[in-house]
Amino acid sequence: MNDARIGRALKVERMGHEDRSMSGVYGHPTEAMRVELVELMQALWESAVAERFKVYPYSAIPLPDRELAKWRERDRDQGHLPNFSQTTKKSRFLVRKRLLSAGQMGGATRT
């Protein structure tokens, strides 16, 4: 939030803190500030998913995989990737195994 120059009042509110200073008592976040923060966070999320897709177009974690599926669909429609909707259990297992061996699933690295 500092890099994006988000105002102190909004940062304090977002983090759930209480600012008892003079600026905290008289400075309040506006709805426009909140909208700007939501837009910033959405842009950061989309950028992170795009970067993750460049690394590997799947995730064993459901939420990121749903987001990556949108990118897979987009690339398939543009003729860049095969139709991933036909993925078999075996290929899903291989994806999971690859992520585990690369240490990308949060657990210990397995070989």
C-alpha atoms as a PDB file:
ATOM      1  CA  MET A   1       0.000   0.000   0.000  1.00  0.00           C
ATOM      2  CA  ASN A   2       2.948   2.312   0.614  1.00  0.00           C
ATOM      3  CA  ASP A   3       4.237   1.738  -2.925  1.00  0.00           C
ATOM      4  CA  ALA A   4       0.800   2.632  -4.291  1.00  0.00           C
ATOM      5  CA  ARG A   5       0.645   5.757  -2.117  1.00  0.00           C
ATOM      6  CA  ILE A   6      -2.507   4.620  -0.326  1.00  0.00           C
ATOM      7  CA  GLY A   7      -3.440   7.164   2.335  1.00  0.00           C
ATOM      8  CA  ARG A   8      -2.684   6.497   5.980  1.00  0.00           C
ATOM      9  CA  ALA A   9      -6.339   6.582   7.065  1.00  0.00           C
ATOM     10  CA  LEU A  10      -7.250   3.840   4.606  1.00  0.00           C
ATOM     11  CA  LYS A  11      -4.207   1.722   5.519  1.00  0.00           C
ATOM     12  CA  VAL A  12      -5.100   1.934   9.212  1.00  0.00           C
ATOM     13  CA  GLU A  13      -8.718   0.979   8.470  1.00  0.00           C
ATOM     14  CA  ARG A  14      -7.709  -1.875   6.174  1.00  0.00           C
ATOM     15  CA  MET A  15      -5.323  -3.369   8.728  1.00  0.00           C
ATOM     16  CA  GLY A  16      -7.917  -3.091  11.481  1.00  0.00           C
ATOM     17  CA  HIS A  17      -5.860  -0.746  13.625  1.00  0.00           C
ATOM     18  CA  GLU A  18      -6.957   2.339  15.520  1.00  0.00           C
ATOM     19  CA  ASP A  19      -5.083   5.603  15.018  1.00  0.00           C
ATOM     20  CA  ARG A  20      -5.479   7.866  18.041  1.00  0.00           C
ATOM     21  CA  SER A  21      -3.273  10.606  16.647  1.00  0.00           C
ATOM     22  CA  MET A  22      -4.700  13.950  15.522  1.00  0.00           C
ATOM     23  CA  SER A  23      -4.711  12.850  11.878  1.00  0.00           C
ATOM     24  CA  GLY A  24      -6.390   9.594  12.907  1.00  0.00           C
ATOM     25  CA  VAL A  25      -9.159  11.419  14.734  1.00  0.00           C
ATOM     26  CA  TYR A  26      -9.876  13.890  11.923  1.00  0.00           C
ATOM     27  CA  GLY A  27      -8.753  11.982   8.833  1.00  0.00           C
ATOM     28  CA  HIS A  28     -11.155   9.393   7.454  1.00  0.00           C
ATOM     29  CA  PRO A  29     -11.030   7.161   4.389  1.00  0.00           C
ATOM     30  CA  THR A  30     -13.472   8.117   1.666  1.00  0.00           C
ATOM     31  CA  GLU A  31     -15.457   5.815  -0.583  1.00  0.00           C
ATOM     32  CA  ALA A  32     -13.279   6.949  -3.508  1.00  0.00           C
ATOM     33  CA  MET A  33     -10.193   5.842  -1.574  1.00  0.00           C
ATOM     34  CA  ARG A  34     -11.750   2.435  -0.950  1.00  0.00           C
ATOM     35  CA  VAL A  35     -12.665   2.044  -4.626  1.00  0.00           C
ATOM     36  CA  GLU A  36      -9.109   2.953  -5.615  1.00  0.00           C
ATOM     37  CA  LEU A  37      -7.740   0.329  -3.217  1.00  0.00           C
ATOM     38  CA  VAL A  38     -10.048  -2.362  -4.608  1.00  0.00           C
ATOM     39  CA  GLU A  39      -8.948  -1.505  -8.152  1.00  0.00           C
ATOM     40  CA  LEU A  40      -5.311  -1.656  -7.107  1.00  0.00           C
ATOM     41  CA  MET A  41      -5.737  -5.019  -5.401  1.00  0.00           C
ATOM     42  CA  GLN A  42      -7.623  -6.408  -8.417  1.00  0.00           C
ATOM     43  CA  ALA A  43      -4.829  -5.277 -10.762  1.00  0.00           C
ATOM     44  CA  LEU A  44      -2.208  -6.864  -8.503  1.00  0.00           C
ATOM     45  CA  TRP A  45      -4.172 -10.131  -8.403  1.00  0.00           C
ATOM     46  CA  GLU A  46      -4.553 -10.228 -12.189  1.00  0.00           C
ATOM     47  CA  SER A  47      -0.867  -9.490 -12.642  1.00  0.00           C
ATOM     48  CA  ALA A  48       0.070 -12.268 -10.219  1.00  0.00           C
ATOM     49  CA  VAL A  49      -2.146 -14.791 -12.043  1.00  0.00           C
ATOM     50  CA  ALA A  50      -0.633 -13.770 -15.401  1.00  0.00           C
ATOM     51  CA  GLU A  51       2.879 -14.243 -14.049  1.00  0.00           C
ATOM     52  CA  ARG A  52       1.916 -17.606 -12.509  1.00  0.00           C
ATOM     53  CA  PHE A  53       0.454 -18.735 -15.847  1.00  0.00           C
ATOM     54  CA  LYS A  54       3.801 -18.061 -17.517  1.00  0.00           C
ATOM     55  CA  VAL A  55       5.476 -20.419 -15.038  1.00  0.00           C
ATOM     56  CA  TYR A  56       2.922 -23.245 -15.332  1.00  0.00           C
ATOM     57  CA  PRO A  57      -0.740 -23.133 -16.443  1.00  0.00           C
ATOM     58  CA  TYR A  58      -2.075 -25.336 -13.613  1.00  0.00           C
ATOM     59  CA  SER A  59      -2.300 -25.254  -9.851  1.00  0.00           C
ATOM     60  CA  ALA A  60      -3.186 -28.073  -7.471  1.00  0.00           C
ATOM     61  CA  ILE A  61      -4.938 -25.439  -5.343  1.00  0.00           C
ATOM     62  CA  PRO A  62      -8.560 -24.933  -6.510  1.00  0.00           C
ATOM     63  CA  LEU A  63      -8.836 -21.118  -6.354  1.00  0.00           C
ATOM     64  CA  PRO A  64      -5.679 -20.329  -8.339  1.00  0.00           C
ATOM     65  CA  ASP A  65      -6.481 -23.157 -10.759  1.00  0.00           C
ATOM     66  CA  ARG A  66      -9.905 -21.622 -11.490  1.00  0.00           C
ATOM     67  CA  GLU A  67      -8.187 -18.349 -12.322  1.00  0.00           C
ATOM     68  CA  LEU A  68      -5.551 -20.097 -14.424  1.00  0.00           C
ATOM     69  CA  ALA A  69      -8.330 -21.979 -16.244  1.00  0.00           C
ATOM     70  CA  LYS A  70      -9.505 -18.642 -17.662  1.00  0.00           C
ATOM     71  CA  TRP A  71      -6.037 -18.151 -19.155  1.00  0.00           C
ATOM     72  CA  ARG A  72      -5.929 -21.737 -20.454  1.00  0.00           C
ATOM     73  CA  GLU A  73      -9.321 -21.199 -22.103  1.00  0.00           C
ATOM     74  CA  ARG A  74      -8.157 -17.924 -23.645  1.00  0.00           C
ATOM     75  CA  ASP A  75      -5.003 -19.523 -25.052  1.00  0.00           C
ATOM     76  CA  ARG A  76      -6.896 -22.568 -26.329  1.00  0.00           C
ATOM     77  CA  ASP A  77      -9.409 -20.307 -28.094  1.00  0.00           C
ATOM     78  CA  GLN A  78      -6.505 -18.479 -29.707  1.00  0.00           C
ATOM     79  CA  GLY A  79      -4.977 -21.782 -30.837  1.00  0.00           C
ATOM     80  CA  HIS A  80      -1.962 -21.645 -28.526  1.00  0.00           C
ATOM     81  CA  LEU A  81      -2.723 -24.588 -26.242  1.00  0.00           C
ATOM     82  CA  PRO A  82      -4.537 -27.917 -26.592  1.00  0.00           C
ATOM     83  CA  ASN A  83      -7.966 -28.336 -25.050  1.00  0.00           C
ATOM     84  CA  PHE A  84      -7.154 -28.792 -21.369  1.00  0.00           C
ATOM     85  CA  SER A  85     -10.754 -29.672 -20.512  1.00  0.00           C
ATOM     86  CA  GLN A  86      -9.932 -33.240 -21.636  1.00  0.00           C
ATOM     87  CA  THR A  87      -7.330 -33.595 -18.876  1.00  0.00           C
ATOM     88  CA  THR A  88      -7.249 -37.145 -17.504  1.00  0.00           C
ATOM     89  CA  LYS A  89      -6.690 -38.301 -13.937  1.00  0.00           C
ATOM     90  CA  LYS A  90      -3.221 -39.459 -14.941  1.00  0.00           C
ATOM     91  CA  SER A  91      -2.222 -36.064 -16.330  1.00  0.00           C
ATOM     92  CA  ARG A  92      -3.598 -34.339 -13.213  1.00  0.00           C
ATOM     93  CA  PHE A  93      -1.487 -36.728 -11.130  1.00  0.00           C
ATOM     94  CA  LEU A  94       1.571 -35.822 -13.205  1.00  0.00           C
ATOM     95  CA  VAL A  95       0.877 -32.090 -12.716  1.00  0.00           C
ATOM     96  CA  ARG A  96       0.607 -32.618  -8.956  1.00  0.00           C
ATOM     97  CA  LYS A  97       3.797 -34.707  -8.938  1.00  0.00           C
ATOM     98  CA  ARG A  98       5.656 -32.017 -10.870  1.00  0.00           C
ATOM     99  CA  LEU A  99       4.503 -29.315  -8.451  1.00  0.00           C
ATOM    100  CA  LEU A 100       5.513 -31.439  -5.469  1.00  0.00           C
ATOM    101  CA  SER A 101       8.948 -32.132  -6.900  1.00  0.00           C
ATOM    102  CA  ALA A 102       9.419 -28.429  -7.637  1.00  0.00           C
ATOM    103  CA  GLY A 103       8.440 -27.576  -4.045  1.00  0.00           C
ATOM    104  CA  GLN A 104       5.498 -25.435  -5.215  1.00  0.00           C
ATOM    105  CA  MET A 105       2.815 -27.041  -3.064  1.00  0.00           C
ATOM    106  CA  GLY A 106       4.013 -25.799   0.287  1.00  0.00           C
ATOM    107  CA  GLY A 107       5.221 -29.177   1.488  1.00  0.00           C
ATOM    108  CA  ALA A 108       8.649 -30.705   1.632  1.00  0.00           C
ATOM    109  CA  THR A 109      10.373 -31.281  -1.693  1.00  0.00           C
ATOM    110  CA  ARG A 110       9.942 -34.839  -2.904  1.00  0.00           C
ATOM    111  CA  THR A 111      11.934 -36.680  -5.529  1.00  0.00           C
END
